[in-house]
């Protein structure tokens, strides 16, 4: 790579913009998390009961989503409701429940993970990736003071990409589960409706910002790939001149 000065626009597009996108991504995830966590309830995420025609004959059985997709059964009236993970549910009539309002929490045994911890883990991983990314960019913004650390940027960018990929994979699985839950944005999925107010949030309102966050992280990942290719490599012999000269900002 030639040691020519870079324009201010190129500097901001290649380094500043991905960092700002990382902050936006964190805001989107935590905003969705605030809508997903049942702050005023003892337990539960978003619960949707789907009843089949056979379920209508037996009030002790039902297939539903609880955080991640799953199905439940109750051996007898008053017994504990057993829930296990399942694949994609059929298209049933939908009833939205609020935590343990319609099903007594004492009779509910959940054997699958909730979505809020998954999204929170994704958020924490994204924070680690952003911090690692910021440290990798420091020699770019302060080449005169941190020139001796310039060769560490490539490793930090690579670490950021791996961390971001792990978080994105985790977030993708959770968003996919939420997408299967939403199945559209009709009124029946609006958690403002009827008497089932769920922390003033609807599945659609939660799903959209999370999807945007995933797209944003893909863009950040592509930018990091470019940053890795532009980072100095002490083995390449391309940076005999000073790092300061290379990053001297010129033009608009």
C-alpha atoms as a PDB file:
ATOM      1  CA  UNK A   1       0.000   0.000   0.000  1.00  0.00           C
ATOM      2  CA  UNK A   2       1.385   3.387  -0.946  1.00  0.00           C
ATOM      3  CA  UNK A   3       2.246   5.860   1.767  1.00  0.00           C
ATOM      4  CA  UNK A   4       0.145   8.677   0.406  1.00  0.00           C
ATOM      5  CA  UNK A   5      -1.871  11.006   2.634  1.00  0.00           C
ATOM      6  CA  UNK A   6      -5.549  10.217   2.975  1.00  0.00           C
ATOM      7  CA  UNK A   7      -8.409  12.644   2.584  1.00  0.00           C
ATOM      8  CA  UNK A   8     -10.505  13.595   5.578  1.00  0.00           C
ATOM      9  CA  UNK A   9     -13.594  12.128   3.893  1.00  0.00           C
ATOM     10  CA  UNK A  10     -11.877   8.779   3.333  1.00  0.00           C
ATOM     11  CA  UNK A  11     -10.673   8.726   6.933  1.00  0.00           C
ATOM     12  CA  UNK A  12     -14.179   9.257   8.285  1.00  0.00           C
ATOM     13  CA  UNK A  13     -15.849   6.825   5.871  1.00  0.00           C
ATOM     14  CA  UNK A  14     -13.375   4.029   6.539  1.00  0.00           C
ATOM     15  CA  UNK A  15     -12.884   4.431  10.294  1.00  0.00           C
ATOM     16  CA  UNK A  16     -15.315   6.842  11.944  1.00  0.00           C
ATOM     17  CA  UNK A  17     -18.520   5.654  10.278  1.00  0.00           C
ATOM     18  CA  UNK A  18     -18.163   1.965  11.319  1.00  0.00           C
ATOM     19  CA  UNK A  19     -17.560   3.051  14.927  1.00  0.00           C
ATOM     20  CA  UNK A  20     -20.689   5.208  14.897  1.00  0.00           C
ATOM     21  CA  UNK A  21     -22.648   2.342  13.348  1.00  0.00           C
ATOM     22  CA  UNK A  22     -21.436   0.124  16.195  1.00  0.00           C
ATOM     23  CA  UNK A  23     -22.879   2.568  18.725  1.00  0.00           C
ATOM     24  CA  UNK A  24     -26.170   2.702  16.810  1.00  0.00           C
ATOM     25  CA  UNK A  25     -26.285  -1.094  16.801  1.00  0.00           C
ATOM     26  CA  UNK A  26     -25.899  -1.188  20.596  1.00  0.00           C
ATOM     27  CA  UNK A  27     -28.721   1.331  20.978  1.00  0.00           C
ATOM     28  CA  UNK A  28     -31.030  -0.717  18.742  1.00  0.00           C
ATOM     29  CA  UNK A  29     -30.349  -3.936  20.656  1.00  0.00           C
ATOM     30  CA  UNK A  30     -30.823  -2.395  24.104  1.00  0.00           C
ATOM     31  CA  UNK A  31     -33.974  -0.597  22.903  1.00  0.00           C
ATOM     32  CA  UNK A  32     -35.401  -3.931  21.762  1.00  0.00           C
ATOM     33  CA  UNK A  33     -34.265  -5.607  24.961  1.00  0.00           C
ATOM     34  CA  UNK A  34     -36.132  -3.036  27.043  1.00  0.00           C
ATOM     35  CA  UNK A  35     -39.282  -3.927  25.127  1.00  0.00           C
ATOM     36  CA  UNK A  36     -38.689  -7.650  25.419  1.00  0.00           C
ATOM     37  CA  UNK A  37     -37.851  -8.038  29.099  1.00  0.00           C
ATOM     38  CA  UNK A  38     -40.952  -8.352  31.320  1.00  0.00           C
ATOM     39  CA  UNK A  39     -39.839  -5.721  33.821  1.00  0.00           C
ATOM     40  CA  UNK A  40     -43.150  -5.739  35.698  1.00  0.00           C
ATOM     41  CA  UNK A  41     -43.678  -9.497  35.605  1.00  0.00           C
ATOM     42  CA  UNK A  42     -42.229 -12.310  37.662  1.00  0.00           C
ATOM     43  CA  UNK A  43     -41.236 -14.441  34.679  1.00  0.00           C
ATOM     44  CA  UNK A  44     -41.809 -15.037  31.001  1.00  0.00           C
ATOM     45  CA  UNK A  45     -41.003 -13.489  27.676  1.00  0.00           C
ATOM     46  CA  UNK A  46     -43.581 -13.302  24.907  1.00  0.00           C
ATOM     47  CA  UNK A  47     -45.989 -16.193  25.095  1.00  0.00           C
ATOM     48  CA  UNK A  48     -48.357 -17.073  22.282  1.00  0.00           C
ATOM     49  CA  UNK A  49     -50.771 -19.959  22.612  1.00  0.00           C
ATOM     50  CA  UNK A  50     -51.649 -21.676  19.334  1.00  0.00           C
ATOM     51  CA  UNK A  51     -54.592 -24.062  19.576  1.00  0.00           C
ATOM     52  CA  UNK A  52     -55.284 -26.733  16.965  1.00  0.00           C
ATOM     53  CA  UNK A  53     -58.628 -28.382  16.432  1.00  0.00           C
ATOM     54  CA  UNK A  54     -57.387 -31.274  18.554  1.00  0.00           C
ATOM     55  CA  UNK A  55     -56.358 -28.827  21.254  1.00  0.00           C
ATOM     56  CA  UNK A  56     -59.880 -27.483  21.251  1.00  0.00           C
ATOM     57  CA  UNK A  57     -61.078 -30.938  22.278  1.00  0.00           C
ATOM     58  CA  UNK A  58     -58.607 -31.067  25.141  1.00  0.00           C
ATOM     59  CA  UNK A  59     -57.946 -27.967  27.190  1.00  0.00           C
ATOM     60  CA  UNK A  60     -54.876 -29.561  28.754  1.00  0.00           C
ATOM     61  CA  UNK A  61     -52.722 -29.396  25.604  1.00  0.00           C
ATOM     62  CA  UNK A  62     -51.398 -26.519  23.536  1.00  0.00           C
ATOM     63  CA  UNK A  63     -48.529 -25.674  21.226  1.00  0.00           C
ATOM     64  CA  UNK A  64     -46.973 -22.251  21.702  1.00  0.00           C
ATOM     65  CA  UNK A  65     -43.955 -20.003  21.529  1.00  0.00           C
ATOM     66  CA  UNK A  66     -42.226 -19.068  24.734  1.00  0.00           C
ATOM     67  CA  UNK A  67     -39.174 -17.078  23.843  1.00  0.00           C
ATOM     68  CA  UNK A  68     -37.765 -19.694  21.516  1.00  0.00           C
ATOM     69  CA  UNK A  69     -40.178 -21.974  19.709  1.00  0.00           C
ATOM     70  CA  UNK A  70     -41.612 -24.852  21.705  1.00  0.00           C
ATOM     71  CA  UNK A  71     -44.638 -26.929  22.618  1.00  0.00           C
ATOM     72  CA  UNK A  72     -46.295 -27.733  25.926  1.00  0.00           C
ATOM     73  CA  UNK A  73     -48.472 -30.442  27.360  1.00  0.00           C
ATOM     74  CA  UNK A  74     -50.267 -31.006  30.631  1.00  0.00           C
ATOM     75  CA  UNK A  75     -50.914 -34.581  31.721  1.00  0.00           C
ATOM     76  CA  UNK A  76     -53.945 -33.688  33.812  1.00  0.00           C
ATOM     77  CA  UNK A  77     -55.767 -30.655  35.088  1.00  0.00           C
ATOM     78  CA  UNK A  78     -53.744 -28.989  37.825  1.00  0.00           C
ATOM     79  CA  UNK A  79     -50.527 -30.769  36.845  1.00  0.00           C
ATOM     80  CA  UNK A  80     -47.393 -28.955  35.819  1.00  0.00           C
ATOM     81  CA  UNK A  81     -47.305 -27.791  32.201  1.00  0.00           C
ATOM     82  CA  UNK A  82     -44.241 -29.329  30.527  1.00  0.00           C
ATOM     83  CA  UNK A  83     -42.600 -27.377  27.700  1.00  0.00           C
ATOM     84  CA  UNK A  84     -40.008 -28.642  25.242  1.00  0.00           C
ATOM     85  CA  UNK A  85     -38.332 -27.049  22.199  1.00  0.00           C
ATOM     86  CA  UNK A  86     -39.903 -27.672  18.815  1.00  0.00           C
ATOM     87  CA  UNK A  87     -39.495 -26.672  15.193  1.00  0.00           C
ATOM     88  CA  UNK A  88     -41.760 -24.328  13.269  1.00  0.00           C
ATOM     89  CA  UNK A  89     -45.325 -24.342  14.595  1.00  0.00           C
ATOM     90  CA  UNK A  90     -48.382 -24.727  12.370  1.00  0.00           C
ATOM     91  CA  UNK A  91     -50.580 -21.726  11.746  1.00  0.00           C
ATOM     92  CA  UNK A  92     -53.110 -21.816  14.569  1.00  0.00           C
ATOM     93  CA  UNK A  93     -55.484 -19.293  16.025  1.00  0.00           C
ATOM     94  CA  UNK A  94     -53.514 -17.085  18.336  1.00  0.00           C
ATOM     95  CA  UNK A  95     -54.019 -15.983  21.904  1.00  0.00           C
ATOM     96  CA  UNK A  96     -51.461 -13.721  23.516  1.00  0.00           C
ATOM     97  CA  UNK A  97     -50.774 -14.321  27.182  1.00  0.00           C
ATOM     98  CA  UNK A  98     -49.079 -12.004  29.625  1.00  0.00           C
ATOM     99  CA  UNK A  99     -46.530 -13.927  31.652  1.00  0.00           C
ATOM    100  CA  UNK A 100     -48.470 -16.110  34.083  1.00  0.00           C
ATOM    101  CA  UNK A 101     -51.807 -14.354  33.734  1.00  0.00           C
ATOM    102  CA  UNK A 102     -53.705 -17.172  32.065  1.00  0.00           C
ATOM    103  CA  UNK A 103     -51.415 -20.036  33.063  1.00  0.00           C
ATOM    104  CA  UNK A 104     -50.488 -20.198  36.713  1.00  0.00           C
ATOM    105  CA  UNK A 105     -46.717 -19.859  37.019  1.00  0.00           C
ATOM    106  CA  UNK A 106     -46.718 -22.639  39.613  1.00  0.00           C
ATOM    107  CA  UNK A 107     -47.948 -25.045  36.944  1.00  0.00           C
ATOM    108  CA  UNK A 108     -45.485 -23.929  34.305  1.00  0.00           C
ATOM    109  CA  UNK A 109     -42.164 -25.658  33.702  1.00  0.00           C
ATOM    110  CA  UNK A 110     -40.083 -24.054  30.981  1.00  0.00           C
ATOM    111  CA  UNK A 111     -37.385 -26.295  29.527  1.00  0.00           C
ATOM    112  CA  UNK A 112     -35.953 -23.888  26.961  1.00  0.00           C
ATOM    113  CA  UNK A 113     -33.974 -20.626  26.983  1.00  0.00           C
ATOM    114  CA  UNK A 114     -35.642 -17.231  27.032  1.00  0.00           C
ATOM    115  CA  UNK A 115     -34.901 -14.634  24.388  1.00  0.00           C
ATOM    116  CA  UNK A 116     -33.892 -11.734  26.680  1.00  0.00           C
ATOM    117  CA  UNK A 117     -30.695 -13.449  27.951  1.00  0.00           C
ATOM    118  CA  UNK A 118     -29.773 -14.326  24.361  1.00  0.00           C
ATOM    119  CA  UNK A 119     -30.214 -10.756  23.154  1.00  0.00           C
ATOM    120  CA  UNK A 120     -28.417  -9.416  26.231  1.00  0.00           C
ATOM    121  CA  UNK A 121     -25.467 -11.715  25.509  1.00  0.00           C
ATOM    122  CA  UNK A 122     -25.447 -10.452  21.920  1.00  0.00           C
ATOM    123  CA  UNK A 123     -25.409  -6.895  23.274  1.00  0.00           C
ATOM    124  CA  UNK A 124     -22.470  -7.609  25.600  1.00  0.00           C
ATOM    125  CA  UNK A 125     -20.504  -9.278  22.800  1.00  0.00           C
ATOM    126  CA  UNK A 126     -21.204  -6.265  20.576  1.00  0.00           C
ATOM    127  CA  UNK A 127     -19.814  -3.971  23.290  1.00  0.00           C
ATOM    128  CA  UNK A 128     -16.605  -6.022  23.463  1.00  0.00           C
ATOM    129  CA  UNK A 129     -16.309  -5.889  19.670  1.00  0.00           C
ATOM    130  CA  UNK A 130     -16.819  -2.108  19.652  1.00  0.00           C
ATOM    131  CA  UNK A 131     -14.188  -1.544  22.350  1.00  0.00           C
ATOM    132  CA  UNK A 132     -11.714  -3.751  20.512  1.00  0.00           C
ATOM    133  CA  UNK A 133     -12.484  -1.855  17.308  1.00  0.00           C
ATOM    134  CA  UNK A 134     -11.935   1.517  18.992  1.00  0.00           C
ATOM    135  CA  UNK A 135      -8.551   0.428  20.366  1.00  0.00           C
ATOM    136  CA  UNK A 136      -7.555  -0.780  16.905  1.00  0.00           C
ATOM    137  CA  UNK A 137      -8.451   2.611  15.428  1.00  0.00           C
ATOM    138  CA  UNK A 138      -6.549   4.678  18.012  1.00  0.00           C
ATOM    139  CA  UNK A 139      -3.242   4.655  16.054  1.00  0.00           C
ATOM    140  CA  UNK A 140      -5.213   5.945  13.076  1.00  0.00           C
ATOM    141  CA  UNK A 141      -6.585   8.943  14.956  1.00  0.00           C
ATOM    142  CA  UNK A 142      -3.400   9.674  16.913  1.00  0.00           C
ATOM    143  CA  UNK A 143      -0.546   8.509  14.664  1.00  0.00           C
ATOM    144  CA  UNK A 144       2.032  10.827  16.231  1.00  0.00           C
ATOM    145  CA  UNK A 145       1.483   9.539  19.774  1.00  0.00           C
ATOM    146  CA  UNK A 146       0.615   5.906  19.031  1.00  0.00           C
ATOM    147  CA  UNK A 147       2.774   5.199  16.007  1.00  0.00           C
ATOM    148  CA  UNK A 148       4.617   2.444  17.902  1.00  0.00           C
ATOM    149  CA  UNK A 149       1.343   0.507  18.218  1.00  0.00           C
ATOM    150  CA  UNK A 150       0.384   0.731  14.547  1.00  0.00           C
ATOM    151  CA  UNK A 151       1.249  -2.896  13.813  1.00  0.00           C
ATOM    152  CA  UNK A 152      -1.243  -4.098  16.414  1.00  0.00           C
ATOM    153  CA  UNK A 153      -4.180  -2.613  14.526  1.00  0.00           C
ATOM    154  CA  UNK A 154      -4.414  -5.505  12.087  1.00  0.00           C
ATOM    155  CA  UNK A 155      -4.657  -8.070  14.902  1.00  0.00           C
ATOM    156  CA  UNK A 156      -7.218  -5.959  16.746  1.00  0.00           C
ATOM    157  CA  UNK A 157      -9.319  -5.550  13.609  1.00  0.00           C
ATOM    158  CA  UNK A 158      -9.188  -9.310  13.026  1.00  0.00           C
ATOM    159  CA  UNK A 159     -10.195  -9.971  16.641  1.00  0.00           C
ATOM    160  CA  UNK A 160     -13.054  -7.488  16.271  1.00  0.00           C
ATOM    161  CA  UNK A 161     -14.287  -9.296  13.181  1.00  0.00           C
ATOM    162  CA  UNK A 162     -14.270 -12.670  14.950  1.00  0.00           C
ATOM    163  CA  UNK A 163     -16.029 -11.308  18.045  1.00  0.00           C
ATOM    164  CA  UNK A 164     -18.584  -9.512  15.901  1.00  0.00           C
ATOM    165  CA  UNK A 165     -19.198 -12.707  13.939  1.00  0.00           C
ATOM    166  CA  UNK A 166     -19.857 -14.717  17.102  1.00  0.00           C
ATOM    167  CA  UNK A 167     -22.321 -12.124  18.364  1.00  0.00           C
ATOM    168  CA  UNK A 168     -24.006 -11.839  14.976  1.00  0.00           C
ATOM    169  CA  UNK A 169     -24.497 -15.607  14.776  1.00  0.00           C
ATOM    170  CA  UNK A 170     -26.068 -15.620  18.233  1.00  0.00           C
ATOM    171  CA  UNK A 171     -28.267 -12.656  17.357  1.00  0.00           C
ATOM    172  CA  UNK A 172     -29.313 -14.235  14.063  1.00  0.00           C
ATOM    173  CA  UNK A 173     -30.620 -17.362  15.788  1.00  0.00           C
ATOM    174  CA  UNK A 174     -32.594 -15.261  18.262  1.00  0.00           C
ATOM    175  CA  UNK A 175     -33.973 -12.884  15.626  1.00  0.00           C
ATOM    176  CA  UNK A 176     -34.967 -15.868  13.479  1.00  0.00           C
ATOM    177  CA  UNK A 177     -36.912 -17.284  16.411  1.00  0.00           C
ATOM    178  CA  UNK A 178     -38.581 -13.921  16.935  1.00  0.00           C
ATOM    179  CA  UNK A 179     -39.355 -13.716  13.213  1.00  0.00           C
ATOM    180  CA  UNK A 180     -41.088 -17.084  13.400  1.00  0.00           C
ATOM    181  CA  UNK A 181     -43.061 -15.704  16.318  1.00  0.00           C
ATOM    182  CA  UNK A 182     -44.112 -12.548  14.535  1.00  0.00           C
ATOM    183  CA  UNK A 183     -45.271 -14.258  11.322  1.00  0.00           C
ATOM    184  CA  UNK A 184     -46.509 -10.876  10.151  1.00  0.00           C
ATOM    185  CA  UNK A 185     -47.442  -7.578  11.705  1.00  0.00           C
ATOM    186  CA  UNK A 186     -51.218  -7.952  11.984  1.00  0.00           C
ATOM    187  CA  UNK A 187     -53.287  -6.530  14.804  1.00  0.00           C
ATOM    188  CA  UNK A 188     -53.493  -9.907  16.509  1.00  0.00           C
ATOM    189  CA  UNK A 189     -49.771  -9.665  17.219  1.00  0.00           C
ATOM    190  CA  UNK A 190     -50.022  -6.174  18.640  1.00  0.00           C
ATOM    191  CA  UNK A 191     -49.392  -6.540  22.343  1.00  0.00           C
ATOM    192  CA  UNK A 192     -51.278  -3.317  22.989  1.00  0.00           C
ATOM    193  CA  UNK A 193     -54.470  -5.097  21.968  1.00  0.00           C
ATOM    194  CA  UNK A 194     -57.120  -6.622  24.218  1.00  0.00           C
ATOM    195  CA  UNK A 195     -56.230  -6.738  27.891  1.00  0.00           C
ATOM    196  CA  UNK A 196     -52.771  -8.148  27.373  1.00  0.00           C
ATOM    197  CA  UNK A 197     -50.446  -5.168  27.623  1.00  0.00           C
ATOM    198  CA  UNK A 198     -46.864  -6.456  27.502  1.00  0.00           C
ATOM    199  CA  UNK A 199     -44.558  -3.732  28.734  1.00  0.00           C
ATOM    200  CA  UNK A 200     -45.805  -1.384  26.002  1.00  0.00           C
ATOM    201  CA  UNK A 201     -44.077  -3.349  23.254  1.00  0.00           C
ATOM    202  CA  UNK A 202     -45.188  -5.422  20.297  1.00  0.00           C
ATOM    203  CA  UNK A 203     -43.353  -8.233  18.582  1.00  0.00           C
ATOM    204  CA  UNK A 204     -43.193  -6.254  15.344  1.00  0.00           C
ATOM    205  CA  UNK A 205     -41.715  -3.212  17.065  1.00  0.00           C
ATOM    206  CA  UNK A 206     -39.076  -5.448  18.646  1.00  0.00           C
ATOM    207  CA  UNK A 207     -38.321  -7.406  15.496  1.00  0.00           C
ATOM    208  CA  UNK A 208     -37.700  -4.430  13.191  1.00  0.00           C
ATOM    209  CA  UNK A 209     -34.863  -2.687  15.131  1.00  0.00           C
ATOM    210  CA  UNK A 210     -33.161  -6.031  15.759  1.00  0.00           C
ATOM    211  CA  UNK A 211     -33.218  -6.785  12.039  1.00  0.00           C
ATOM    212  CA  UNK A 212     -31.764  -3.338  11.334  1.00  0.00           C
ATOM    213  CA  UNK A 213     -29.051  -4.016  13.943  1.00  0.00           C
ATOM    214  CA  UNK A 214     -28.113  -7.246  12.170  1.00  0.00           C
ATOM    215  CA  UNK A 215     -27.821  -5.476   8.809  1.00  0.00           C
ATOM    216  CA  UNK A 216     -25.729  -2.735  10.438  1.00  0.00           C
ATOM    217  CA  UNK A 217     -23.333  -5.319  11.867  1.00  0.00           C
ATOM    218  CA  UNK A 218     -22.897  -6.873   8.423  1.00  0.00           C
ATOM    219  CA  UNK A 219     -21.919  -3.432   7.078  1.00  0.00           C
ATOM    220  CA  UNK A 220     -19.498  -2.984   9.997  1.00  0.00           C
ATOM    221  CA  UNK A 221     -17.972  -6.379   9.253  1.00  0.00           C
ATOM    222  CA  UNK A 222     -17.389  -5.453   5.605  1.00  0.00           C
ATOM    223  CA  UNK A 223     -15.770  -2.184   6.685  1.00  0.00           C
ATOM    224  CA  UNK A 224     -13.471  -4.062   9.073  1.00  0.00           C
ATOM    225  CA  UNK A 225     -12.380  -6.360   6.238  1.00  0.00           C
ATOM    226  CA  UNK A 226     -11.299  -3.248   4.313  1.00  0.00           C
ATOM    227  CA  UNK A 227      -9.564  -1.895   7.424  1.00  0.00           C
ATOM    228  CA  UNK A 228      -7.632  -5.147   7.811  1.00  0.00           C
ATOM    229  CA  UNK A 229      -6.417  -4.892   4.223  1.00  0.00           C
ATOM    230  CA  UNK A 230      -5.317  -1.281   4.835  1.00  0.00           C
ATOM    231  CA  UNK A 231      -3.666  -1.908   8.210  1.00  0.00           C
ATOM    232  CA  UNK A 232       0.149  -1.800   8.340  1.00  0.00           C
ATOM    233  CA  UNK A 233       1.954  -5.115   8.239  1.00  0.00           C
ATOM    234  CA  UNK A 234       5.522  -5.126   9.567  1.00  0.00           C
ATOM    235  CA  UNK A 235       6.343  -8.197   7.462  1.00  0.00           C
ATOM    236  CA  UNK A 236       5.282  -6.609   4.183  1.00  0.00           C
ATOM    237  CA  UNK A 237       7.956  -3.929   4.128  1.00  0.00           C
ATOM    238  CA  UNK A 238       5.418  -1.389   2.904  1.00  0.00           C
ATOM    239  CA  UNK A 239       5.727   1.077   5.749  1.00  0.00           C
ATOM    240  CA  UNK A 240       9.332   2.207   5.758  1.00  0.00           C
ATOM    241  CA  UNK A 241       8.118   5.782   5.842  1.00  0.00           C
ATOM    242  CA  UNK A 242       6.380   7.067   8.910  1.00  0.00           C
ATOM    243  CA  UNK A 243       2.843   6.100   9.794  1.00  0.00           C
ATOM    244  CA  UNK A 244       2.228   9.779  10.469  1.00  0.00           C
ATOM    245  CA  UNK A 245       2.974  10.702   6.861  1.00  0.00           C
ATOM    246  CA  UNK A 246       0.711   7.965   5.631  1.00  0.00           C
ATOM    247  CA  UNK A 247      -2.238   9.145   7.691  1.00  0.00           C
ATOM    248  CA  UNK A 248      -1.674  12.843   7.202  1.00  0.00           C
ATOM    249  CA  UNK A 249      -5.145  14.151   6.497  1.00  0.00           C
ATOM    250  CA  UNK A 250      -5.367  16.359   3.446  1.00  0.00           C
ATOM    251  CA  UNK A 251      -8.155  17.901   1.481  1.00  0.00           C
ATOM    252  CA  UNK A 252     -11.804  18.215   2.505  1.00  0.00           C
END
